[in-house]
Each structure stands twice: as structure tokens, then as C-alpha cells.
């Protein structure tokens, strides 16, 4: 995964391209992409500070959590 800094660098590169681009539509696309990379940078920053630990439940707990299916009444008449 790219780091927040890598996303910011790419955003700056796209911003520089936008400033040099004479075509308005292309310039707008560069700016839109630059903003998207800045959002990615912020998300990467948040993700870097988050630790997710998944622990598999014990087999005892899994047994109690299983649902039992109840027979459904036959509504055919």
C-alpha cells in the first residue's frame, strides 16, 4: 500500500500538470485526480494509525452461536 506521503506526491504532480495544461477539460480532470489522491492520503494516514486484530472465536463459542433451523409449517392447502 502506498503511504500518505506517496499519495501527496502524486497529487502535487497532478496539480503541476493541471497548471501546465491549456485544455480546460484536461485541466479539470487533473485537478479532480489530484483531489482524489489527497483524499487517499488522508485515508492512508488514518489507516496507518489503526490496528485491527482478528481473533477466531473458540470452538465452544462457535457452537453456541450457531443457529438452529426450525421446521416451517406447510402452508399448502
C-alpha atoms as a PDB file:
ATOM      1  CA  UNK A   1       0.000   0.000   0.000  1.00  0.00           C
ATOM      2  CA  UNK A   2       1.304   3.436  -0.832  1.00  0.00           C
ATOM      3  CA  UNK A   3       1.957   5.745   2.089  1.00  0.00           C
ATOM      4  CA  UNK A   4       0.187   9.040   2.685  1.00  0.00           C
ATOM      5  CA  UNK A   5       3.303  10.871   1.509  1.00  0.00           C
ATOM      6  CA  UNK A   6       3.335   8.935  -1.769  1.00  0.00           C
ATOM      7  CA  UNK A   7      -0.283   9.910  -2.400  1.00  0.00           C
ATOM      8  CA  UNK A   8       0.536  13.563  -1.619  1.00  0.00           C
ATOM      9  CA  UNK A   9       3.466  13.496  -4.045  1.00  0.00           C
ATOM     10  CA  UNK A  10       1.233  12.128  -6.797  1.00  0.00           C
ATOM     11  CA  UNK A  11      -1.368  14.818  -6.014  1.00  0.00           C
ATOM     12  CA  UNK A  12       1.313  17.500  -6.329  1.00  0.00           C
ATOM     13  CA  UNK A  13       2.460  16.046  -9.669  1.00  0.00           C
ATOM     14  CA  UNK A  14      -1.106  16.089 -10.987  1.00  0.00           C
ATOM     15  CA  UNK A  15      -1.580  19.637  -9.738  1.00  0.00           C
ATOM     16  CA  UNK A  16       1.568  20.706 -11.600  1.00  0.00           C
ATOM     17  CA  UNK A  17       0.271  19.043 -14.766  1.00  0.00           C
ATOM     18  CA  UNK A  18      -3.019  20.893 -14.361  1.00  0.00           C
ATOM     19  CA  UNK A  19      -1.219  24.249 -14.196  1.00  0.00           C
ATOM     20  CA  UNK A  20       0.623  23.485 -17.452  1.00  0.00           C
ATOM     21  CA  UNK A  21      -2.419  22.099 -19.303  1.00  0.00           C
ATOM     22  CA  UNK A  22      -4.004  24.506 -21.809  1.00  0.00           C
ATOM     23  CA  UNK A  23      -7.137  22.387 -22.342  1.00  0.00           C
ATOM     24  CA  UNK A  24      -9.787  23.209 -19.710  1.00  0.00           C
ATOM     25  CA  UNK A  25     -11.321  19.735 -19.641  1.00  0.00           C
ATOM     26  CA  UNK A  26      -7.957  18.034 -19.212  1.00  0.00           C
ATOM     27  CA  UNK A  27      -7.015  20.595 -16.527  1.00  0.00           C
ATOM     28  CA  UNK A  28     -10.242  19.859 -14.643  1.00  0.00           C
ATOM     29  CA  UNK A  29      -9.533  16.123 -14.858  1.00  0.00           C
ATOM     30  CA  UNK A  30      -6.029  16.618 -13.444  1.00  0.00           C
ATOM     31  CA  UNK A  31      -7.435  18.667 -10.578  1.00  0.00           C
ATOM     32  CA  UNK A  32     -10.112  16.054  -9.865  1.00  0.00           C
ATOM     33  CA  UNK A  33      -7.470  13.329  -9.775  1.00  0.00           C
ATOM     34  CA  UNK A  34      -5.231  15.441  -7.528  1.00  0.00           C
ATOM     35  CA  UNK A  35      -8.095  15.893  -5.069  1.00  0.00           C
ATOM     36  CA  UNK A  36      -8.786  12.150  -5.122  1.00  0.00           C
ATOM     37  CA  UNK A  37      -5.138  11.450  -4.296  1.00  0.00           C
ATOM     38  CA  UNK A  38      -5.323  13.915  -1.391  1.00  0.00           C
ATOM     39  CA  UNK A  39      -8.350  12.011  -0.060  1.00  0.00           C
ATOM     40  CA  UNK A  40      -6.379   8.784  -0.426  1.00  0.00           C
ATOM     41  CA  UNK A  41      -3.525  10.386   1.519  1.00  0.00           C
ATOM     42  CA  UNK A  42      -5.865  11.234   4.382  1.00  0.00           C
ATOM     43  CA  UNK A  43      -7.300   7.709   4.405  1.00  0.00           C
ATOM     44  CA  UNK A  44      -3.809   6.190   4.330  1.00  0.00           C
ATOM     45  CA  UNK A  45      -2.856   8.396   7.288  1.00  0.00           C
ATOM     46  CA  UNK A  46      -5.885   7.136   9.246  1.00  0.00           C
ATOM     47  CA  UNK A  47      -5.207   3.525   8.265  1.00  0.00           C
ATOM     48  CA  UNK A  48      -1.601   3.784   9.421  1.00  0.00           C
ATOM     49  CA  UNK A  49      -2.762   4.551  12.968  1.00  0.00           C
ATOM     50  CA  UNK A  50      -5.358   1.785  13.127  1.00  0.00           C
ATOM     51  CA  UNK A  51      -4.509  -1.713  14.283  1.00  0.00           C
ATOM     52  CA  UNK A  52      -7.051  -4.369  13.502  1.00  0.00           C
ATOM     53  CA  UNK A  53      -6.681  -7.678  15.264  1.00  0.00           C
ATOM     54  CA  UNK A  54      -8.987 -10.534  14.432  1.00  0.00           C
ATOM     55  CA  UNK A  55      -9.206 -13.375  16.859  1.00  0.00           C
ATOM     56  CA  UNK A  56     -11.014 -16.527  15.842  1.00  0.00           C
ATOM     57  CA  UNK A  57     -13.680 -17.398  18.410  1.00  0.00           C
ATOM     58  CA  UNK A  58     -13.084 -20.555  20.390  1.00  0.00           C
ATOM     59  CA  UNK A  59     -14.908 -23.670  19.180  1.00  0.00           C
ATOM     60  CA  UNK A  60     -17.065 -23.592  22.330  1.00  0.00           C
ATOM     61  CA  UNK A  61     -18.315 -20.125  21.480  1.00  0.00           C
ATOM     62  CA  UNK A  62     -18.910 -21.017  17.834  1.00  0.00           C
ATOM     63  CA  UNK A  63     -21.069 -23.977  18.867  1.00  0.00           C
ATOM     64  CA  UNK A  64     -23.362 -21.768  20.966  1.00  0.00           C
ATOM     65  CA  UNK A  65     -23.621 -19.109  18.272  1.00  0.00           C
ATOM     66  CA  UNK A  66     -24.854 -21.462  15.560  1.00  0.00           C
ATOM     67  CA  UNK A  67     -28.500 -21.046  14.768  1.00  0.00           C
ATOM     68  CA  UNK A  68     -30.801 -23.995  14.522  1.00  0.00           C
ATOM     69  CA  UNK A  69     -33.322 -24.089  11.728  1.00  0.00           C
ATOM     70  CA  UNK A  70     -36.890 -24.558  12.859  1.00  0.00           C
ATOM     71  CA  UNK A  71     -39.246 -26.607  10.696  1.00  0.00           C
ATOM     72  CA  UNK A  72     -41.603 -24.337   8.787  1.00  0.00           C
ATOM     73  CA  UNK A  73     -45.319 -25.117   8.666  1.00  0.00           C
ATOM     74  CA  UNK A  74     -46.586 -26.399   5.349  1.00  0.00           C
ATOM     75  CA  UNK A  75     -48.982 -23.713   4.092  1.00  0.00           C
ATOM     76  CA  UNK A  76     -50.080 -25.690   1.034  1.00  0.00           C
ATOM     77  CA  UNK A  77     -53.797 -26.396   1.162  1.00  0.00           C
END
